[in-house]
Protein backbone atom coordinates (compact mmCIF):
# COMPACT_ATOMS: atom_id res chain seq x y z
CA MET A 1 33.19 -16.93 6.38
CA ARG A 2 29.58 -16.64 7.65
CA THR A 3 30.57 -13.70 9.87
CA ILE A 4 32.27 -11.92 6.96
CA PHE A 5 29.21 -12.48 4.77
CA LYS A 6 26.80 -11.07 7.41
CA LYS A 7 29.03 -7.95 7.87
CA LYS A 8 29.05 -7.40 4.12
CA GLN A 9 25.30 -7.81 3.93
CA ALA A 10 24.81 -5.30 6.75
CA ILE A 11 27.09 -2.77 5.07
CA GLU A 12 25.14 -3.21 1.82
CA ARG A 13 21.77 -2.55 3.45
CA ALA A 14 23.08 0.45 5.36
CA THR A 15 24.45 1.92 2.11
CA ILE A 16 21.13 1.32 0.35
CA LEU A 17 19.17 3.13 3.07
CA TYR A 18 21.66 6.03 3.14
CA ASN A 19 21.23 6.57 -0.61
CA GLU A 20 17.52 6.11 -0.71
CA LYS A 21 16.32 9.70 -0.69
CA LYS A 22 18.96 10.65 -3.32
CA ALA A 23 17.71 7.76 -5.36
CA LEU A 24 14.11 8.96 -5.17
CA ILE A 25 15.12 12.39 -6.51
CA GLN A 26 17.51 11.13 -9.18
CA LEU A 27 16.28 7.61 -9.87
CA SER A 28 16.04 8.04 -13.60
CA GLU A 29 19.80 8.71 -13.90
CA GLU A 30 21.05 5.75 -11.91
CA GLU A 31 18.53 2.93 -12.18
CA ASP A 32 19.68 -0.67 -11.83
CA ILE A 33 19.96 -3.00 -14.77
CA GLN A 34 16.98 -5.34 -14.82
CA LEU A 35 17.78 -8.67 -13.21
CA ILE A 36 16.58 -11.96 -14.72
CA ILE A 37 16.52 -14.48 -11.97
CA HIS A 38 15.45 -18.11 -12.25
CA HIS A 39 12.07 -18.94 -10.61
CA TRP A 40 12.19 -21.01 -7.50
CA VAL A 41 9.73 -22.29 -4.93
CA ARG A 42 10.43 -22.81 -1.24
CA ILE A 43 7.99 -24.44 1.19
CA LEU A 44 7.79 -22.95 4.63
CA ASN A 45 5.24 -23.80 7.26
CA VAL A 46 3.79 -20.64 8.83
CA LYS A 47 2.13 -21.55 12.16
CA LEU A 48 -0.21 -18.58 12.51
CA GLY A 49 -3.39 -20.51 11.90
CA TRP A 50 -4.63 -18.67 8.83
CA ILE A 51 -1.53 -18.41 6.69
CA HIS A 52 -0.19 -21.83 5.71
CA ASP A 53 2.48 -22.24 3.15
CA PHE A 54 4.67 -20.36 0.69
CA ASP A 55 2.55 -20.84 -2.41
CA LYS A 56 4.18 -19.59 -5.54
CA LEU A 57 6.40 -16.98 -7.12
CA VAL A 58 4.70 -14.69 -9.63
CA ALA A 59 7.66 -12.93 -11.25
CA LYS A 60 11.02 -11.32 -10.61
CA PHE A 61 12.47 -8.01 -11.79
CA VAL A 62 14.22 -5.13 -10.03
CA LYS A 63 12.71 -3.06 -7.16
CA ILE A 64 9.01 -3.64 -6.82
CA PHE A 65 7.70 -0.37 -5.32
CA CYS A 66 4.02 -1.22 -5.35
CA ILE A 67 1.38 -3.83 -5.99
CA ASP A 68 -2.46 -3.85 -6.12
CA TYR A 69 -5.02 -6.63 -6.56
CA SER A 70 -8.27 -7.04 -8.53
CA ALA A 71 -10.52 -9.84 -9.77
CA PHE A 72 -12.37 -9.77 -13.07
CA ASP A 73 -13.22 -12.06 -15.99
CA ASP A 74 -13.34 -14.97 -13.43
CA SER A 75 -9.63 -14.53 -12.74
CA GLN A 76 -7.44 -12.78 -10.15
CA PHE A 77 -4.78 -10.23 -11.13
CA ILE A 78 -1.93 -8.24 -9.62
CA CYS A 79 -0.51 -5.00 -11.02
CA SER A 80 2.95 -3.82 -10.10
CA GLY A 81 5.15 -0.78 -10.54
CA SER A 82 8.95 -0.77 -10.44
CA ASN A 83 12.08 1.15 -11.10
CA ASP A 84 12.39 -0.16 -14.66
CA ASN A 85 9.65 2.43 -15.50
CA THR A 86 7.00 -0.22 -16.24
CA VAL A 87 3.51 -1.07 -15.04
CA ARG A 88 2.88 -4.79 -15.32
CA VAL A 89 -0.20 -7.00 -14.93
CA TRP A 90 -0.01 -10.60 -13.76
CA ASN A 91 -2.54 -13.39 -13.76
CA ILE A 92 -2.32 -15.13 -10.37
CA GLU A 93 -3.78 -18.44 -11.51
CA THR A 94 -1.52 -18.90 -14.50
CA ASN A 95 1.52 -17.23 -12.91
CA LYS A 96 2.08 -15.24 -16.10
CA GLN A 97 2.51 -11.61 -17.06
CA ILE A 98 -0.39 -10.63 -19.32
CA GLN A 99 0.43 -6.94 -19.97
CA SER A 100 3.21 -4.41 -19.68
CA PHE A 101 2.91 -0.60 -20.04
CA ASN A 102 6.10 1.31 -20.88
CA GLY A 103 4.86 4.91 -21.09
CA HIS A 104 6.51 6.31 -18.01
CA SER A 105 10.01 7.86 -18.34
CA SER A 106 11.08 7.05 -14.81
CA SER A 107 10.30 4.80 -11.82
CA VAL A 108 6.69 3.86 -11.04
CA PHE A 109 5.96 4.42 -7.34
CA CYS A 110 2.31 3.43 -7.01
CA THR A 111 -0.27 1.45 -9.00
CA LYS A 112 -4.00 1.02 -8.44
CA PHE A 113 -6.80 -0.69 -10.33
CA SER A 114 -9.34 2.01 -11.16
CA PRO A 115 -12.80 1.52 -9.64
CA TYR A 116 -14.07 4.53 -11.63
CA HIS A 117 -13.52 2.90 -15.06
CA TYR A 118 -14.81 -0.42 -13.80
CA TYR A 119 -18.02 0.90 -12.30
CA ASN A 120 -18.83 3.54 -14.95
CA HIS A 121 -17.37 2.20 -18.18
CA HIS A 122 -16.94 -1.55 -17.60
CA ARG A 123 -13.28 -1.26 -18.44
CA ASN A 124 -10.31 -2.68 -16.58
CA VAL A 125 -7.89 0.17 -16.10
CA ILE A 126 -4.74 0.71 -14.01
CA CYS A 127 -3.67 4.11 -12.59
CA SER A 128 -0.02 4.70 -11.92
CA SER A 129 2.13 7.43 -10.37
CA SER A 130 5.76 8.05 -11.22
CA HIS A 131 9.05 9.83 -10.51
CA ASP A 132 8.45 11.48 -13.97
CA LYS A 133 5.85 13.78 -12.28
CA THR A 134 2.84 12.21 -14.02
CA ILE A 135 -0.21 10.09 -13.16
CA CYS A 136 -1.22 7.79 -16.04
CA PHE A 137 -4.22 5.55 -16.77
CA TRP A 138 -3.76 2.32 -18.79
CA ASP A 139 -6.42 0.19 -20.47
CA ILE A 140 -5.51 -3.46 -19.89
CA LYS A 141 -7.59 -4.97 -22.75
CA ASP A 142 -6.69 -2.43 -25.42
CA ASN A 143 -3.05 -2.03 -24.21
CA LYS A 144 -3.08 1.75 -24.44
CA GLN A 145 -2.79 4.90 -22.33
CA LEU A 146 -6.11 6.61 -21.66
CA GLN A 147 -5.28 9.70 -19.61
CA VAL A 148 -2.33 11.62 -18.20
CA PHE A 149 -2.35 14.06 -15.27
CA ASN A 150 0.52 16.54 -15.49
CA GLY A 151 -0.24 19.02 -12.68
CA CYS A 152 2.43 18.06 -10.20
CA THR A 153 5.83 19.87 -10.04
CA GLY A 154 7.67 16.95 -8.47
CA TRP A 155 7.59 13.13 -8.36
CA VAL A 156 4.23 11.63 -7.48
CA GLY A 157 4.20 9.03 -4.66
CA GLY A 158 1.03 7.46 -3.24
CA ILE A 159 -2.36 7.55 -4.98
CA GLU A 160 -5.82 6.54 -3.77
CA PHE A 161 -9.31 6.48 -5.32
CA SER A 162 -12.37 7.83 -3.46
CA PRO A 163 -14.59 5.16 -1.91
CA PHE A 164 -17.60 7.27 -2.87
CA ASN A 165 -19.13 8.17 -6.22
CA GLY A 166 -17.71 5.09 -7.95
CA GLY A 167 -14.07 6.13 -7.45
CA ARG A 168 -14.48 9.29 -9.48
CA TYR A 169 -11.91 11.18 -7.42
CA LEU A 170 -8.20 10.45 -7.00
CA CYS A 171 -5.83 11.89 -4.39
CA SER A 172 -2.06 11.93 -4.81
CA GLY A 173 0.96 12.92 -2.73
CA SER A 174 4.03 14.60 -4.22
CA TYR A 175 7.61 15.68 -3.80
CA ASP A 176 6.38 19.30 -3.97
CA LYS A 177 4.94 18.86 -0.45
CA THR A 178 1.28 18.87 -1.58
CA ILE A 179 -1.66 16.53 -1.81
CA CYS A 180 -3.79 16.86 -4.98
CA LEU A 181 -7.42 15.89 -5.53
CA TRP A 182 -8.27 15.02 -9.13
CA ASP A 183 -11.56 14.51 -10.99
CA VAL A 184 -10.95 11.38 -13.05
CA GLU A 185 -14.03 11.98 -15.16
CA THR A 186 -12.96 15.41 -16.33
CA SER A 187 -9.17 15.01 -15.80
CA LYS A 188 -9.23 18.26 -13.82
CA LEU A 189 -7.26 19.13 -10.66
CA LEU A 190 -9.85 20.16 -8.09
CA TYR A 191 -7.96 20.98 -4.91
CA VAL A 192 -4.38 21.32 -3.71
CA PHE A 193 -3.82 20.59 0.03
CA LYS A 194 -0.90 22.55 1.47
CA GLY A 195 0.60 22.26 4.95
CA HIS A 196 3.40 19.68 4.94
CA GLU A 197 6.99 20.91 5.18
CA ASP A 198 8.51 18.12 3.12
CA CYS A 199 7.64 15.53 0.48
CA VAL A 200 4.30 13.66 0.77
CA TRP A 201 5.02 9.99 0.12
CA CYS A 202 1.71 8.27 1.02
CA VAL A 203 -2.00 9.00 1.13
CA ASP A 204 -5.28 7.30 1.96
CA ILE A 205 -8.97 8.19 1.93
CA SER A 206 -11.29 7.37 4.81
CA PRO A 207 -13.39 4.26 4.19
CA LEU A 208 -16.90 3.97 2.75
CA GLN A 209 -19.49 5.16 5.26
CA SER A 210 -21.75 2.55 6.69
CA ASP A 211 -25.02 3.86 5.19
CA ASN A 212 -23.59 3.32 1.72
CA ASN A 213 -22.34 -0.23 2.23
CA ASN A 214 -25.04 -1.89 0.09
CA ASN A 215 -24.45 0.38 -2.89
CA THR A 216 -21.95 -1.26 -5.23
CA ASN A 217 -21.53 1.92 -7.23
CA LYS A 218 -20.85 3.81 -3.98
CA SER A 219 -22.81 6.91 -5.10
CA ASN A 220 -23.06 9.91 -2.83
CA SER A 221 -24.63 13.29 -3.67
CA ILE A 222 -23.86 15.07 -0.36
CA GLY A 223 -21.38 17.92 -0.55
CA VAL A 224 -19.77 19.62 -3.48
CA ILE A 225 -18.09 16.47 -4.85
CA GLY A 226 -20.22 14.00 -2.84
CA GLY A 227 -17.56 13.56 -0.17
CA ASN A 228 -19.21 15.05 2.82
CA GLY A 229 -17.73 13.49 5.96
CA TYR A 230 -14.80 11.89 4.18
CA THR A 231 -11.19 12.80 4.92
CA ILE A 232 -7.73 12.36 3.35
CA CYS A 233 -4.78 11.14 5.38
CA SER A 234 -1.22 11.99 4.28
CA GLY A 235 2.21 10.82 5.44
CA SER A 236 5.24 13.05 4.85
CA PHE A 237 9.02 13.16 5.03
CA ASP A 238 8.53 15.91 7.62
CA ASP A 239 7.78 13.01 10.02
CA THR A 240 4.10 13.99 10.47
CA ILE A 241 0.68 12.64 9.47
CA CYS A 242 -2.15 14.99 8.55
CA THR A 243 -5.85 14.55 7.99
CA TRP A 244 -7.77 16.85 5.64
CA ASP A 245 -11.41 17.58 4.91
CA ILE A 246 -11.93 16.33 1.35
CA GLU A 247 -14.67 18.90 0.60
CA THR A 248 -12.92 22.06 1.92
CA ALA A 249 -9.22 21.09 1.66
CA LYS A 250 -8.73 22.27 5.23
CA GLN A 251 -6.27 20.55 7.54
CA LEU A 252 -8.05 18.84 10.47
CA VAL A 253 -5.52 16.99 12.66
CA LEU A 254 -1.73 16.90 12.75
CA PHE A 255 -0.24 13.72 14.26
CA LYS A 256 3.27 13.95 15.63
CA GLY A 257 5.30 11.18 17.23
CA HIS A 258 7.35 9.46 14.50
CA ASP A 259 11.05 10.28 14.37
CA GLY A 260 11.54 9.52 10.64
CA TRP A 261 9.86 9.77 7.27
CA ILE A 262 6.33 8.39 7.04
CA ARG A 263 6.34 5.54 4.48
CA SER A 264 2.81 4.22 4.80
CA VAL A 265 -0.55 5.30 6.19
CA LYS A 266 -3.81 3.37 6.24
CA TYR A 267 -7.29 4.14 7.60
CA GLY A 268 -9.03 1.46 9.65
CA SER A 269 -12.00 -0.01 7.78
CA ASN A 270 -15.63 0.18 8.95
CA LYS A 271 -15.75 -3.54 8.18
CA LEU A 272 -13.28 -4.39 10.98
CA ARG A 273 -14.85 -6.87 13.35
CA ASN A 274 -14.21 -4.81 16.49
CA SER A 275 -14.53 -1.11 17.28
CA ASP A 276 -10.77 -0.99 18.22
CA GLY A 277 -9.95 -0.71 14.49
CA ALA A 278 -12.52 1.89 13.46
CA ASN A 279 -11.59 5.57 13.77
CA THR A 280 -7.89 4.74 13.60
CA ILE A 281 -4.94 5.39 11.30
CA LEU A 282 -2.05 2.92 10.99
CA SER A 283 1.41 4.21 10.03
CA GLY A 284 4.88 2.93 9.27
CA SER A 285 8.04 5.01 9.32
CA ASN A 286 11.76 5.14 8.77
CA ASP A 287 12.10 5.18 12.58
CA CYS A 288 11.42 1.39 12.44
CA SER A 289 8.10 1.67 14.28
CA VAL A 290 4.46 0.96 13.48
CA ARG A 291 2.01 3.22 15.19
CA LEU A 292 -1.75 3.35 15.68
CA TRP A 293 -3.47 6.74 16.03
CA ASP A 294 -6.90 7.58 17.43
CA ILE A 295 -8.55 10.02 15.00
CA ARG A 296 -11.11 11.27 17.58
CA SER A 297 -8.55 12.23 20.21
CA GLY A 298 -5.73 13.05 17.77
CA GLN A 299 -3.37 11.01 19.97
CA GLN A 300 -1.15 7.95 19.50
CA ALA A 301 -2.94 4.85 20.75
CA GLN A 302 -0.24 2.19 20.29
CA ILE A 303 3.33 1.83 19.19
CA PHE A 304 4.67 -1.46 17.85
CA LYS A 305 8.45 -2.04 17.99
CA GLY A 306 10.31 -4.98 16.59
CA HIS A 307 11.52 -4.00 13.15
CA SER A 308 15.23 -3.14 12.77
CA ASN A 309 14.90 -1.02 9.66
CA SER A 310 12.47 1.30 7.83
CA VAL A 311 8.82 0.19 7.81
CA LYS A 312 7.73 0.47 4.18
CA VAL A 313 4.14 -0.71 4.35
CA VAL A 314 1.32 -1.24 6.90
CA GLU A 315 -2.00 -3.00 6.46
CA TYR A 316 -5.03 -4.03 8.55
CA SER A 317 -5.48 -7.75 8.06
CA PRO A 318 -8.94 -9.24 7.41
CA PHE A 319 -8.69 -11.46 10.49
CA VAL A 320 -8.87 -11.34 14.24
CA GLU A 321 -6.75 -12.82 17.06
CA ASN A 322 -8.26 -14.52 20.10
CA ASN A 323 -6.88 -12.53 23.05
CA SER A 324 -7.66 -14.03 26.44
CA ARG A 325 -5.76 -11.26 28.17
CA ILE A 326 -8.37 -8.72 27.07
CA GLY A 327 -11.24 -11.17 27.39
CA GLY A 328 -12.12 -11.28 23.70
CA SER A 329 -10.75 -10.94 20.22
CA SER A 330 -8.97 -8.10 18.48
CA ASN A 331 -7.87 -7.27 14.95
CA VAL A 332 -4.46 -8.21 13.53
CA ILE A 333 -2.32 -5.65 11.73
CA CYS A 334 0.60 -6.35 9.43
CA SER A 335 3.81 -4.48 8.52
CA GLY A 336 6.60 -5.00 5.94
CA SER A 337 10.06 -3.61 6.42
CA PHE A 338 13.38 -3.00 4.74
CA ASP A 339 14.73 -5.39 7.43
CA ASN A 340 13.34 -8.12 5.18
CA THR A 341 10.56 -9.21 7.56
CA ILE A 342 6.76 -9.11 7.62
CA ARG A 343 5.38 -8.89 11.14
CA PHE A 344 1.88 -9.46 12.54
CA TRP A 345 0.65 -7.55 15.60
CA ASP A 346 -2.39 -7.65 17.89
CA ILE A 347 -3.98 -4.20 17.51
CA ARG A 348 -4.74 -4.04 21.28
CA SER A 349 -1.41 -5.16 22.51
CA ASN A 350 2.08 -3.76 21.70
CA LYS A 351 3.88 -6.32 23.87
CA ASN A 352 4.77 -9.04 21.38
CA THR A 353 4.84 -9.71 17.64
CA LEU A 354 2.23 -12.43 16.82
CA HIS A 355 4.38 -13.84 14.02
CA VAL A 356 7.25 -13.00 11.73
CA ILE A 357 7.76 -14.01 8.09
CA ASN A 358 11.38 -13.70 7.03
CA GLY A 359 12.03 -12.79 3.42
CA ASP A 360 14.78 -14.53 1.54
CA GLY A 361 18.17 -12.89 2.30
CA PHE A 362 19.52 -13.34 -1.26
CA GLU A 363 16.39 -12.88 -3.40
CA ASP A 364 14.38 -10.26 -1.51
CA CYS A 365 16.65 -7.99 0.55
CA GLY A 366 13.79 -5.89 1.91
CA ILE A 367 9.92 -5.82 1.77
CA PHE A 368 8.57 -2.79 -0.10
CA CYS A 369 4.83 -3.54 -0.41
CA LEU A 370 2.25 -6.13 0.49
CA LYS A 371 -1.41 -6.91 -0.12
CA PHE A 372 -3.93 -9.35 1.31
CA LEU A 373 -5.76 -11.29 -1.38
CA LEU A 374 -9.13 -12.76 -0.30
CA SER A 375 -11.74 -14.36 -2.51
CA LYS A 376 -15.47 -13.74 -1.93
CA LYS A 377 -16.05 -17.30 -0.62
CA LYS A 378 -13.12 -17.06 1.73
CA GLU A 379 -14.27 -13.62 2.91
CA MET A 380 -17.64 -15.13 3.80
CA LYS A 381 -15.96 -17.91 5.70
CA CYS A 382 -13.82 -15.42 7.55
CA ASN A 383 -16.87 -13.36 8.56
CA ASN A 384 -18.44 -16.45 10.02
CA ASN A 385 -15.55 -16.98 12.41
CA SER A 386 -14.19 -19.89 10.39
CA ASP A 387 -10.55 -20.41 9.63
CA ALA A 388 -9.68 -19.34 6.11
CA ASP A 389 -6.71 -19.46 3.72
CA VAL A 390 -5.35 -16.00 3.05
CA HIS A 391 -3.16 -15.10 0.14
CA LEU A 392 -0.58 -12.57 1.20
CA CYS A 393 1.31 -11.04 -1.68
CA TYR A 394 4.44 -8.97 -1.26
CA GLY A 395 6.98 -7.17 -3.46
CA SER A 396 10.66 -6.88 -2.58
CA TYR A 397 13.67 -4.66 -3.13
CA LYS A 398 15.39 -7.11 -5.45
CA GLY A 399 12.34 -7.76 -7.57
CA ALA A 400 10.51 -10.89 -6.33
CA ILE A 401 6.76 -10.81 -6.15
CA ARG A 402 5.70 -13.67 -3.89
CA ILE A 403 2.35 -15.04 -2.78
CA TRP A 404 1.72 -16.83 0.47
CA GLY A 405 -1.38 -18.86 1.16
């Protein structure tokens, strides 16, 4: 019986992956009925040193495409987007949903807390992108829609706020093969970046430059929009990754190597402890691999193999691994996959996975998104080489949002 069950499960996952692109294009016509599943808690000891136990389940509903994290009003919150067309906000401490926005007419692919509204208007706002071709802004306190961007001709995938000028600018990737740069303050479309040969699923903007690290409003007056020296990174279904000058909209570097759609891209932060993480781009793909790219040389620096299905999300973790082989320490990266695992890797070594977290085979059925949650006190402890408890939050294909830590 166990063998028959495993074969059925394998067939189910293969069918899901085969239909995925069709689902992205026609999701609104064939979306799943929302599942209501009883909450449960399972304790699992994770022997990685800085991730300890399965902590708690936040909520469950079908297909969590995206999550983001923010802290305000002395509390911690997660926002999520899913294929039931909703944007939801959850209080981590109380384990409760505090808000739900129902204005989209199709699946929500990406959600972000808006730094622009927080820094400039002292409002807590969520930005969301959708299969319905729109980008929307939602006021959490007043429970209303603030703005709508309608300039895209296809579904909108990844979105990212600028790390300069208080998050005034927003970039987005779309089914129409373009990247758009928006002025949140004026609601105007500034630039359209063209060059990809297929859908653009994910985007990122290069991190805050070091000379602005002490400015909490991240103001910059250099360049036309204050983004001199900043770049955009995009991942496409044409299997390539591109970087673009944010001021001129010119393509800078084209990275080739993946043999499948690019599902996630992430710039290395200037705050990474070692220089091995700076000037890099991390990517995950349908070819089941995680890759690290050197921006300066334009070449692949590492490839990490171990996943058996599409890699949906990649992240640089806030911690380091003691690595005696290289005579020091190196940063740890993390990847979530449709194979229902989260894997941790040493950024300087592609030999072995540091650790694997297995999602629940019945309740998760694939990892779609993840986020590290780190309080200010814990962040200080981490920077002082002390062990720290990290909250790792992930969203899954079947609707569970879980928090480890």
